[in-house]
Amino acid sequence: ATNLVAGRELFFRLAGRSREHVARACRQHTGLTPTGLITQIRLEYAQRLLERTDLSVLDVAQSSGFTNMSLFHRRFRVTTNLTPLRYRQQRQLSLPVCIRDTT
């Protein structure tokens, strides 16, 4: 989760190539910009946390690398057509108890 918070700058550094090369390769292989790919990964991680933990929505957003709650809500809603809280309510009801983290 720490790498999700670091974002694009760490992504470029870990790739060990020029920003232009990384951006070009990212678009070629995923169809997304580096920022778009990182946002997608962050949202997928947030979805898993909402499904499997009882962390607050604020903690989920921060753990997923979102520092702006308004942006998190907007991006999450565009992706899922649900607010984070509504997503949790719908998904947790459909998951077997053994999958949820009850700690």
PDB file of N, CA and C in Angstrom:
ATOM      1  N   ALA A   1       0.817  -1.191   0.000  1.00  0.00           N
ATOM      2  CA  ALA A   1       0.000   0.000   0.000  1.00  0.00           C
ATOM      3  C   ALA A   1       0.867   1.264   0.000  1.00  0.00           C
ATOM      4  N   THR A   2       2.046   1.186   0.567  1.00  0.00           N
ATOM      5  CA  THR A   2       2.923   2.352   0.595  1.00  0.00           C
ATOM      6  C   THR A   2       3.259   2.816  -0.813  1.00  0.00           C
ATOM      7  N   ASN A   3       3.476   1.892  -1.732  1.00  0.00           N
ATOM      8  CA  ASN A   3       3.780   2.264  -3.110  1.00  0.00           C
ATOM      9  C   ASN A   3       2.605   2.951  -3.788  1.00  0.00           C
ATOM     10  N   LEU A   4       1.375   2.631  -3.374  1.00  0.00           N
ATOM     11  CA  LEU A   4       0.217   3.295  -3.951  1.00  0.00           C
ATOM     12  C   LEU A   4       0.194   4.766  -3.589  1.00  0.00           C
ATOM     13  N   VAL A   5       0.646   5.089  -2.402  1.00  0.00           N
ATOM     14  CA  VAL A   5       0.665   6.475  -1.950  1.00  0.00           C
ATOM     15  C   VAL A   5       1.733   7.260  -2.708  1.00  0.00           C
ATOM     16  N   ALA A   6       2.863   6.634  -2.983  1.00  0.00           N
ATOM     17  CA  ALA A   6       3.970   7.321  -3.657  1.00  0.00           C
ATOM     18  C   ALA A   6       3.595   7.735  -5.072  1.00  0.00           C
ATOM     19  N   GLY A   7       2.811   6.956  -5.758  1.00  0.00           N
ATOM     20  CA  GLY A   7       2.267   7.339  -7.053  1.00  0.00           C
ATOM     21  C   GLY A   7       3.218   7.337  -8.214  1.00  0.00           C
ATOM     22  N   ARG A   8       2.973   8.277  -9.094  1.00  0.00           N
ATOM     23  CA  ARG A   8       3.632   8.321 -10.390  1.00  0.00           C
ATOM     24  C   ARG A   8       5.141   8.468 -10.315  1.00  0.00           C
ATOM     25  N   GLU A   9       5.637   9.286  -9.407  1.00  0.00           N
ATOM     26  CA  GLU A   9       7.089   9.498  -9.335  1.00  0.00           C
ATOM     27  C   GLU A   9       7.822   8.207  -9.003  1.00  0.00           C
ATOM     28  N   LEU A  10       7.296   7.440  -8.064  1.00  0.00           N
ATOM     29  CA  LEU A  10       7.912   6.156  -7.734  1.00  0.00           C
ATOM     30  C   LEU A  10       7.786   5.181  -8.901  1.00  0.00           C
ATOM     31  N   PHE A  11       6.663   5.206  -9.582  1.00  0.00           N
ATOM     32  CA  PHE A  11       6.434   4.358 -10.750  1.00  0.00           C
ATOM     33  C   PHE A  11       7.534   4.581 -11.790  1.00  0.00           C
ATOM     34  N   PHE A  12       7.804   5.845 -12.093  1.00  0.00           N
ATOM     35  CA  PHE A  12       8.851   6.161 -13.063  1.00  0.00           C
ATOM     36  C   PHE A  12      10.226   5.727 -12.550  1.00  0.00           C
ATOM     37  N   ARG A  13      10.488   5.981 -11.284  1.00  0.00           N
ATOM     38  CA  ARG A  13      11.789   5.631 -10.708  1.00  0.00           C
ATOM     39  C   ARG A  13      12.006   4.114 -10.720  1.00  0.00           C
ATOM     40  N   LEU A  14      10.976   3.352 -10.355  1.00  0.00           N
ATOM     41  CA  LEU A  14      11.097   1.895 -10.323  1.00  0.00           C
ATOM     42  C   LEU A  14      11.282   1.309 -11.718  1.00  0.00           C
ATOM     43  N   ALA A  15      10.728   1.970 -12.726  1.00  0.00           N
ATOM     44  CA  ALA A  15      10.856   1.476 -14.100  1.00  0.00           C
ATOM     45  C   ALA A  15      12.290   1.593 -14.608  1.00  0.00           C
ATOM     46  N   GLY A  16      13.029   2.558 -14.071  1.00  0.00           N
ATOM     47  CA  GLY A  16      14.430   2.692 -14.461  1.00  0.00           C
ATOM     48  C   GLY A  16      14.638   3.168 -15.883  1.00  0.00           C
ATOM     49  N   ARG A  17      13.633   3.769 -16.465  1.00  0.00           N
ATOM     50  CA  ARG A  17      13.724   4.289 -17.835  1.00  0.00           C
ATOM     51  C   ARG A  17      13.283   5.741 -17.839  1.00  0.00           C
ATOM     52  N   SER A  18      13.389   6.382 -18.978  1.00  0.00           N
ATOM     53  CA  SER A  18      12.954   7.771 -19.071  1.00  0.00           C
ATOM     54  C   SER A  18      11.439   7.846 -18.911  1.00  0.00           C
ATOM     55  N   ARG A  19      10.977   8.994 -18.462  1.00  0.00           N
ATOM     56  CA  ARG A  19       9.536   9.198 -18.285  1.00  0.00           C
ATOM     57  C   ARG A  19       8.792   8.976 -19.604  1.00  0.00           C
ATOM     58  N   GLU A  20       9.376   9.458 -20.693  1.00  0.00           N
ATOM     59  CA  GLU A  20       8.749   9.324 -22.007  1.00  0.00           C
ATOM     60  C   GLU A  20       8.628   7.861 -22.407  1.00  0.00           C
ATOM     61  N   HIS A  21       9.689   7.094 -22.187  1.00  0.00           N
ATOM     62  CA  HIS A  21       9.668   5.670 -22.531  1.00  0.00           C
ATOM     63  C   HIS A  21       8.610   4.941 -21.699  1.00  0.00           C
ATOM     64  N   VAL A  22       8.581   5.216 -20.409  1.00  0.00           N
ATOM     65  CA  VAL A  22       7.621   4.555 -19.521  1.00  0.00           C
ATOM     66  C   VAL A  22       6.193   4.916 -19.923  1.00  0.00           C
ATOM     67  N   ALA A  23       5.952   6.173 -20.211  1.00  0.00           N
ATOM     68  CA  ALA A  23       4.609   6.612 -20.613  1.00  0.00           C
ATOM     69  C   ALA A  23       4.186   5.942 -21.918  1.00  0.00           C
ATOM     70  N   ARG A  24       5.090   5.886 -22.870  1.00  0.00           N
ATOM     71  CA  ARG A  24       4.801   5.267 -24.162  1.00  0.00           C
ATOM     72  C   ARG A  24       4.523   3.771 -23.995  1.00  0.00           C
ATOM     73  N   ALA A  25       5.359   3.086 -23.233  1.00  0.00           N
ATOM     74  CA  ALA A  25       5.177   1.653 -23.011  1.00  0.00           C
ATOM     75  C   ALA A  25       3.886   1.378 -22.241  1.00  0.00           C
ATOM     76  N   CYS A  26       3.592   2.211 -21.289  1.00  0.00           N
ATOM     77  CA  CYS A  26       2.376   2.054 -20.494  1.00  0.00           C
ATOM     78  C   CYS A  26       1.141   2.162 -21.395  1.00  0.00           C
ATOM     79  N   ARG A  27       1.112   3.187 -22.242  1.00  0.00           N
ATOM     80  CA  ARG A  27      -0.024   3.361 -23.150  1.00  0.00           C
ATOM     81  C   ARG A  27      -0.121   2.204 -24.145  1.00  0.00           C
ATOM     82  N   GLN A  28       1.022   1.735 -24.603  1.00  0.00           N
ATOM     83  CA  GLN A  28       1.039   0.652 -25.587  1.00  0.00           C
ATOM     84  C   GLN A  28       0.504  -0.647 -24.992  1.00  0.00           C
ATOM     85  N   HIS A  29       0.869  -0.950 -23.760  1.00  0.00           N
ATOM     86  CA  HIS A  29       0.509  -2.230 -23.160  1.00  0.00           C
ATOM     87  C   HIS A  29      -0.799  -2.225 -22.381  1.00  0.00           C
ATOM     88  N   THR A  30      -1.207  -1.051 -21.897  1.00  0.00           N
ATOM     89  CA  THR A  30      -2.425  -1.010 -21.083  1.00  0.00           C
ATOM     90  C   THR A  30      -3.515  -0.118 -21.658  1.00  0.00           C
ATOM     91  N   GLY A  31      -3.127   0.754 -22.600  1.00  0.00           N
ATOM     92  CA  GLY A  31      -4.082   1.713 -23.130  1.00  0.00           C
ATOM     93  C   GLY A  31      -4.309   2.890 -22.195  1.00  0.00           C
ATOM     94  N   LEU A  32      -3.521   2.955 -21.121  1.00  0.00           N
ATOM     95  CA  LEU A  32      -3.676   4.010 -20.126  1.00  0.00           C
ATOM     96  C   LEU A  32      -2.377   4.789 -19.969  1.00  0.00           C
ATOM     97  N   THR A  33      -2.504   6.022 -19.532  1.00  0.00           N
ATOM     98  CA  THR A  33      -1.328   6.793 -19.154  1.00  0.00           C
ATOM     99  C   THR A  33      -0.829   6.242 -17.821  1.00  0.00           C
ATOM    100  N   PRO A  34       0.389   6.550 -17.420  1.00  0.00           N
ATOM    101  CA  PRO A  34       0.851   6.111 -16.102  1.00  0.00           C
ATOM    102  C   PRO A  34      -0.088   6.567 -14.980  1.00  0.00           C
ATOM    103  N   THR A  35      -0.561   7.806 -15.051  1.00  0.00           N
ATOM    104  CA  THR A  35      -1.490   8.297 -14.037  1.00  0.00           C
ATOM    105  C   THR A  35      -2.790   7.503 -14.060  1.00  0.00           C
ATOM    106  N   GLY A  36      -3.301   7.222 -15.243  1.00  0.00           N
ATOM    107  CA  GLY A  36      -4.529   6.435 -15.371  1.00  0.00           C
ATOM    108  C   GLY A  36      -4.365   5.028 -14.829  1.00  0.00           C
ATOM    109  N   LEU A  37      -3.215   4.405 -15.108  1.00  0.00           N
ATOM    110  CA  LEU A  37      -2.954   3.060 -14.608  1.00  0.00           C
ATOM    111  C   LEU A  37      -2.864   3.058 -13.084  1.00  0.00           C
ATOM    112  N   ILE A  38      -2.164   4.022 -12.526  1.00  0.00           N
ATOM    113  CA  ILE A  38      -2.032   4.100 -11.069  1.00  0.00           C
ATOM    114  C   ILE A  38      -3.397   4.328 -10.424  1.00  0.00           C
ATOM    115  N   THR A  39      -4.200   5.192 -11.018  1.00  0.00           N
ATOM    116  CA  THR A  39      -5.548   5.436 -10.483  1.00  0.00           C
ATOM    117  C   THR A  39      -6.372   4.161 -10.529  1.00  0.00           C
ATOM    118  N   GLN A  40      -6.293   3.424 -11.623  1.00  0.00           N
ATOM    119  CA  GLN A  40      -7.031   2.155 -11.742  1.00  0.00           C
ATOM    120  C   GLN A  40      -6.599   1.167 -10.666  1.00  0.00           C
ATOM    121  N   ILE A  41      -5.309   1.036 -10.455  1.00  0.00           N
ATOM    122  CA  ILE A  41      -4.790   0.123  -9.444  1.00  0.00           C
ATOM    123  C   ILE A  41      -5.231   0.564  -8.052  1.00  0.00           C
ATOM    124  N   ARG A  42      -5.188   1.860  -7.793  1.00  0.00           N
ATOM    125  CA  ARG A  42      -5.625   2.381  -6.494  1.00  0.00           C
ATOM    126  C   ARG A  42      -7.105   2.078  -6.252  1.00  0.00           C
ATOM    127  N   LEU A  43      -7.933   2.263  -7.281  1.00  0.00           N
ATOM    128  CA  LEU A  43      -9.366   2.011  -7.128  1.00  0.00           C
ATOM    129  C   LEU A  43      -9.652   0.524  -6.926  1.00  0.00           C
ATOM    130  N   GLU A  44      -8.934  -0.339  -7.619  1.00  0.00           N
ATOM    131  CA  GLU A  44      -9.114  -1.783  -7.428  1.00  0.00           C
ATOM    132  C   GLU A  44      -8.721  -2.176  -6.000  1.00  0.00           C
ATOM    133  N   TYR A  45      -7.657  -1.598  -5.497  1.00  0.00           N
ATOM    134  CA  TYR A  45      -7.229  -1.868  -4.122  1.00  0.00           C
ATOM    135  C   TYR A  45      -8.279  -1.362  -3.132  1.00  0.00           C
ATOM    136  N   ALA A  46      -8.809  -0.182  -3.381  1.00  0.00           N
ATOM    137  CA  ALA A  46      -9.853   0.376  -2.516  1.00  0.00           C
ATOM    138  C   ALA A  46     -11.088  -0.526  -2.517  1.00  0.00           C
ATOM    139  N   GLN A  47     -11.436  -1.055  -3.667  1.00  0.00           N
ATOM    140  CA  GLN A  47     -12.583  -1.963  -3.739  1.00  0.00           C
ATOM    141  C   GLN A  47     -12.357  -3.193  -2.866  1.00  0.00           C
ATOM    142  N   ARG A  48     -11.168  -3.768  -2.944  1.00  0.00           N
ATOM    143  CA  ARG A  48     -10.867  -4.943  -2.108  1.00  0.00           C
ATOM    144  C   ARG A  48     -10.938  -4.602  -0.632  1.00  0.00           C
ATOM    145  N   LEU A  49     -10.397  -3.433  -0.251  1.00  0.00           N
ATOM    146  CA  LEU A  49     -10.458  -3.038   1.158  1.00  0.00           C
ATOM    147  C   LEU A  49     -11.897  -2.841   1.615  1.00  0.00           C
ATOM    148  N   LEU A  50     -12.709  -2.237   0.780  1.00  0.00           N
ATOM    149  CA  LEU A  50     -14.112  -2.025   1.142  1.00  0.00           C
ATOM    150  C   LEU A  50     -14.862  -3.345   1.279  1.00  0.00           C
ATOM    151  N   GLU A  51     -14.514  -4.307   0.440  1.00  0.00           N
ATOM    152  CA  GLU A  51     -15.175  -5.614   0.477  1.00  0.00           C
ATOM    153  C   GLU A  51     -14.752  -6.446   1.681  1.00  0.00           C
ATOM    154  N   ARG A  52     -13.483  -6.347   2.044  1.00  0.00           N
ATOM    155  CA  ARG A  52     -12.911  -7.331   2.961  1.00  0.00           C
ATOM    156  C   ARG A  52     -12.512  -6.804   4.333  1.00  0.00           C
ATOM    157  N   THR A  53     -12.645  -5.500   4.550  1.00  0.00           N
ATOM    158  CA  THR A  53     -12.261  -4.945   5.849  1.00  0.00           C
ATOM    159  C   THR A  53     -13.375  -4.041   6.369  1.00  0.00           C
ATOM    160  N   ASP A  54     -13.219  -3.638   7.598  1.00  0.00           N
ATOM    161  CA  ASP A  54     -14.145  -2.679   8.193  1.00  0.00           C
ATOM    162  C   ASP A  54     -13.491  -1.309   8.350  1.00  0.00           C
ATOM    163  N   LEU A  55     -12.415  -1.050   7.613  1.00  0.00           N
ATOM    164  CA  LEU A  55     -11.769   0.261   7.647  1.00  0.00           C
ATOM    165  C   LEU A  55     -12.773   1.333   7.248  1.00  0.00           C
ATOM    166  N   SER A  56     -12.640   2.515   7.812  1.00  0.00           N
ATOM    167  CA  SER A  56     -13.504   3.625   7.408  1.00  0.00           C
ATOM    168  C   SER A  56     -13.203   3.976   5.948  1.00  0.00           C
ATOM    169  N   VAL A  57     -14.149   4.640   5.312  1.00  0.00           N
ATOM    170  CA  VAL A  57     -13.943   5.060   3.928  1.00  0.00           C
ATOM    171  C   VAL A  57     -12.740   5.991   3.834  1.00  0.00           C
ATOM    172  N   LEU A  58     -12.554   6.852   4.811  1.00  0.00           N
ATOM    173  CA  LEU A  58     -11.387   7.738   4.841  1.00  0.00           C
ATOM    174  C   LEU A  58     -10.098   6.924   4.883  1.00  0.00           C
ATOM    175  N   ASP A  59     -10.037   5.911   5.749  1.00  0.00           N
ATOM    176  CA  ASP A  59      -8.835   5.064   5.842  1.00  0.00           C
ATOM    177  C   ASP A  59      -8.606   4.280   4.548  1.00  0.00           C
ATOM    178  N   VAL A  60      -9.683   3.819   3.928  1.00  0.00           N
ATOM    179  CA  VAL A  60      -9.556   3.110   2.647  1.00  0.00           C
ATOM    180  C   VAL A  60      -8.976   4.043   1.596  1.00  0.00           C
ATOM    181  N   ALA A  61      -9.499   5.252   1.519  1.00  0.00           N
ATOM    182  CA  ALA A  61      -9.008   6.224   0.537  1.00  0.00           C
ATOM    183  C   ALA A  61      -7.524   6.502   0.758  1.00  0.00           C
ATOM    184  N   GLN A  62      -7.152   6.778   1.994  1.00  0.00           N
ATOM    185  CA  GLN A  62      -5.755   7.087   2.296  1.00  0.00           C
ATOM    186  C   GLN A  62      -4.850   5.883   2.054  1.00  0.00           C
ATOM    187  N   SER A  63      -5.285   4.696   2.426  1.00  0.00           N
ATOM    188  CA  SER A  63      -4.485   3.487   2.211  1.00  0.00           C
ATOM    189  C   SER A  63      -4.306   3.201   0.722  1.00  0.00           C
ATOM    190  N   SER A  64      -5.250   3.660  -0.078  1.00  0.00           N
ATOM    191  CA  SER A  64      -5.201   3.437  -1.519  1.00  0.00           C
ATOM    192  C   SER A  64      -4.441   4.528  -2.261  1.00  0.00           C
ATOM    193  N   GLY A  65      -3.964   5.531  -1.530  1.00  0.00           N
ATOM    194  CA  GLY A  65      -3.156   6.571  -2.148  1.00  0.00           C
ATOM    195  C   GLY A  65      -3.912   7.833  -2.509  1.00  0.00           C
ATOM    196  N   PHE A  66      -5.158   7.945  -2.087  1.00  0.00           N
ATOM    197  CA  PHE A  66      -5.928   9.160  -2.361  1.00  0.00           C
ATOM    198  C   PHE A  66      -5.823  10.091  -1.166  1.00  0.00           C
ATOM    199  N   THR A  67      -5.341  11.287  -1.388  1.00  0.00           N
ATOM    200  CA  THR A  67      -5.237  12.265  -0.306  1.00  0.00           C
ATOM    201  C   THR A  67      -6.412  13.227  -0.316  1.00  0.00           C
ATOM    202  N   ASN A  68      -7.185  13.224  -1.381  1.00  0.00           N
ATOM    203  CA  ASN A  68      -8.329  14.110  -1.531  1.00  0.00           C
ATOM    204  C   ASN A  68      -9.599  13.257  -1.556  1.00  0.00           C
ATOM    205  N   MET A  69     -10.425  13.371  -0.516  1.00  0.00           N
ATOM    206  CA  MET A  69     -11.635  12.544  -0.413  1.00  0.00           C
ATOM    207  C   MET A  69     -12.626  12.828  -1.533  1.00  0.00           C
ATOM    208  N   SER A  70     -12.740  14.071  -1.922  1.00  0.00           N
ATOM    209  CA  SER A  70     -13.669  14.425  -2.992  1.00  0.00           C
ATOM    210  C   SER A  70     -13.261  13.736  -4.297  1.00  0.00           C
ATOM    211  N   LEU A  71     -11.980  13.758  -4.593  1.00  0.00           N
ATOM    212  CA  LEU A  71     -11.474  13.094  -5.791  1.00  0.00           C
ATOM    213  C   LEU A  71     -11.692  11.590  -5.694  1.00  0.00           C
ATOM    214  N   PHE A  72     -11.435  11.017  -4.533  1.00  0.00           N
ATOM    215  CA  PHE A  72     -11.654   9.583  -4.339  1.00  0.00           C
ATOM    216  C   PHE A  72     -13.116   9.228  -4.624  1.00  0.00           C
ATOM    217  N   HIS A  73     -14.038   9.974  -4.045  1.00  0.00           N
ATOM    218  CA  HIS A  73     -15.462   9.697  -4.265  1.00  0.00           C
ATOM    219  C   HIS A  73     -15.836   9.823  -5.738  1.00  0.00           C
ATOM    220  N   ARG A  74     -15.351  10.876  -6.396  1.00  0.00           N
ATOM    221  CA  ARG A  74     -15.678  11.060  -7.817  1.00  0.00           C
ATOM    222  C   ARG A  74     -15.139   9.923  -8.672  1.00  0.00           C
ATOM    223  N   ARG A  75     -13.861   9.607  -8.487  1.00  0.00           N
ATOM    224  CA  ARG A  75     -13.249   8.532  -9.287  1.00  0.00           C
ATOM    225  C   ARG A  75     -13.920   7.184  -8.993  1.00  0.00           C
ATOM    226  N   PHE A  76     -14.209   6.937  -7.725  1.00  0.00           N
ATOM    227  CA  PHE A  76     -14.830   5.671  -7.348  1.00  0.00           C
ATOM    228  C   PHE A  76     -16.214   5.556  -7.982  1.00  0.00           C
ATOM    229  N   ARG A  77     -16.976   6.628  -7.934  1.00  0.00           N
ATOM    230  CA  ARG A  77     -18.335   6.607  -8.476  1.00  0.00           C
ATOM    231  C   ARG A  77     -18.326   6.450  -9.998  1.00  0.00           C
ATOM    232  N   VAL A  78     -17.381   7.098 -10.678  1.00  0.00           N
ATOM    233  CA  VAL A  78     -17.281   6.957 -12.128  1.00  0.00           C
ATOM    234  C   VAL A  78     -16.974   5.498 -12.494  1.00  0.00           C
ATOM    235  N   THR A  79     -16.127   4.864 -11.702  1.00  0.00           N
ATOM    236  CA  THR A  79     -15.712   3.490 -11.984  1.00  0.00           C
ATOM    237  C   THR A  79     -16.786   2.459 -11.658  1.00  0.00           C
ATOM    238  N   THR A  80     -17.478   2.646 -10.539  1.00  0.00           N
ATOM    239  CA  THR A  80     -18.410   1.609 -10.055  1.00  0.00           C
ATOM    240  C   THR A  80     -19.883   1.999 -10.138  1.00  0.00           C
ATOM    241  N   ASN A  81     -20.161   3.254 -10.416  1.00  0.00           N
ATOM    242  CA  ASN A  81     -21.522   3.790 -10.381  1.00  0.00           C
ATOM    243  C   ASN A  81     -22.123   3.754  -8.982  1.00  0.00           C
ATOM    244  N   LEU A  82     -21.269   3.637  -7.968  1.00  0.00           N
ATOM    245  CA  LEU A  82     -21.713   3.603  -6.576  1.00  0.00           C
ATOM    246  C   LEU A  82     -20.776   4.462  -5.727  1.00  0.00           C
ATOM    247  N   THR A  83     -21.286   4.967  -4.619  1.00  0.00           N
ATOM    248  CA  THR A  83     -20.405   5.607  -3.650  1.00  0.00           C
ATOM    249  C   THR A  83     -19.608   4.499  -2.958  1.00  0.00           C
ATOM    250  N   PRO A  84     -18.478   4.821  -2.352  1.00  0.00           N
ATOM    251  CA  PRO A  84     -17.716   3.790  -1.648  1.00  0.00           C
ATOM    252  C   PRO A  84     -18.541   3.075  -0.573  1.00  0.00           C
ATOM    253  N   LEU A  85     -19.325   3.810   0.191  1.00  0.00           N
ATOM    254  CA  LEU A  85     -20.128   3.188   1.239  1.00  0.00           C
ATOM    255  C   LEU A  85     -21.187   2.255   0.661  1.00  0.00           C
ATOM    256  N   ARG A  86     -21.864   2.680  -0.385  1.00  0.00           N
ATOM    257  CA  ARG A  86     -22.893   1.830  -1.015  1.00  0.00           C
ATOM    258  C   ARG A  86     -22.237   0.591  -1.630  1.00  0.00           C
ATOM    259  N   TYR A  87     -21.065   0.771  -2.224  1.00  0.00           N
ATOM    260  CA  TYR A  87     -20.322  -0.359  -2.791  1.00  0.00           C
ATOM    261  C   TYR A  87     -20.045  -1.382  -1.699  1.00  0.00           C
ATOM    262  N   ARG A  88     -19.556  -0.909  -0.553  1.00  0.00           N
ATOM    263  CA  ARG A  88     -19.264  -1.811   0.575  1.00  0.00           C
ATOM    264  C   ARG A  88     -20.526  -2.552   0.994  1.00  0.00           C
ATOM    265  N   GLN A  89     -21.608  -1.839   1.159  1.00  0.00           N
ATOM    266  CA  GLN A  89     -22.851  -2.463   1.610  1.00  0.00           C
ATOM    267  C   GLN A  89     -23.296  -3.557   0.650  1.00  0.00           C
ATOM    268  N   GLN A  90     -23.243  -3.292  -0.633  1.00  0.00           N
ATOM    269  CA  GLN A  90     -23.676  -4.280  -1.620  1.00  0.00           C
ATOM    270  C   GLN A  90     -22.724  -5.467  -1.700  1.00  0.00           C
ATOM    271  N   ARG A  91     -21.424  -5.201  -1.690  1.00  0.00           N
ATOM    272  CA  ARG A  91     -20.447  -6.274  -1.875  1.00  0.00           C
ATOM    273  C   ARG A  91     -20.280  -7.132  -0.634  1.00  0.00           C
ATOM    274  N   GLN A  92     -20.293  -6.551   0.539  1.00  0.00           N
ATOM    275  CA  GLN A  92     -20.105  -7.349   1.748  1.00  0.00           C
ATOM    276  C   GLN A  92     -21.266  -8.310   1.954  1.00  0.00           C
ATOM    277  N   LEU A  93     -22.438  -7.926   1.536  1.00  0.00           N
ATOM    278  CA  LEU A  93     -23.583  -8.827   1.666  1.00  0.00           C
ATOM    279  C   LEU A  93     -23.429 -10.067   0.794  1.00  0.00           C
ATOM    280  N   SER A  94     -22.720  -9.926  -0.327  1.00  0.00           N
ATOM    281  CA  SER A  94     -22.599 -11.042  -1.256  1.00  0.00           C
ATOM    282  C   SER A  94     -21.357 -11.908  -1.021  1.00  0.00           C
ATOM    283  N   LEU A  95     -20.459 -11.492  -0.117  1.00  0.00           N
ATOM    284  CA  LEU A  95     -19.240 -12.266   0.151  1.00  0.00           C
ATOM    285  C   LEU A  95     -19.442 -13.248   1.294  1.00  0.00           C
ATOM    286  N   PRO A  96     -18.904 -14.456   1.160  1.00  0.00           N
ATOM    287  CA  PRO A  96     -18.928 -15.370   2.299  1.00  0.00           C
ATOM    288  C   PRO A  96     -18.109 -14.782   3.446  1.00  0.00           C
ATOM    289  N   VAL A  97     -18.496 -15.061   4.656  1.00  0.00           N
ATOM    290  CA  VAL A  97     -17.824 -14.517   5.840  1.00  0.00           C
ATOM    291  C   VAL A  97     -16.341 -14.876   5.860  1.00  0.00           C
ATOM    292  N   CYS A  98     -15.969 -16.048   5.391  1.00  0.00           N
ATOM    293  CA  CYS A  98     -14.569 -16.482   5.446  1.00  0.00           C
ATOM    294  C   CYS A  98     -13.642 -15.604   4.603  1.00  0.00           C
ATOM    295  N   ILE A  99     -14.171 -14.843   3.638  1.00  0.00           N
ATOM    296  CA  ILE A  99     -13.341 -13.991   2.800  1.00  0.00           C
ATOM    297  C   ILE A  99     -13.098 -12.650   3.458  1.00  0.00           C
ATOM    298  N   ARG A 100     -14.028 -12.200   4.274  1.00  0.00           N
ATOM    299  CA  ARG A 100     -13.887 -10.911   4.933  1.00  0.00           C
ATOM    300  C   ARG A 100     -12.859 -10.978   6.039  1.00  0.00           C
ATOM    301  N   ASP A 101     -12.094  -9.927   6.165  1.00  0.00           N
ATOM    302  CA  ASP A 101     -11.107  -9.819   7.250  1.00  0.00           C
ATOM    303  C   ASP A 101     -11.826  -9.294   8.478  1.00  0.00           C
ATOM    304  N   THR A 102     -11.935 -10.123   9.483  1.00  0.00           N
ATOM    305  CA  THR A 102     -12.694  -9.729  10.672  1.00  0.00           C
ATOM    306  C   THR A 102     -11.800  -9.201  11.775  1.00  0.00           C
ATOM    307  N   THR A 103     -10.548  -8.887  11.480  1.00  0.00           N
ATOM    308  CA  THR A 103      -9.653  -8.366  12.507  1.00  0.00           C
ATOM    309  C   THR A 103      -9.871  -6.915  12.756  1.00  0.00           C
TER     310      THR A 103
END
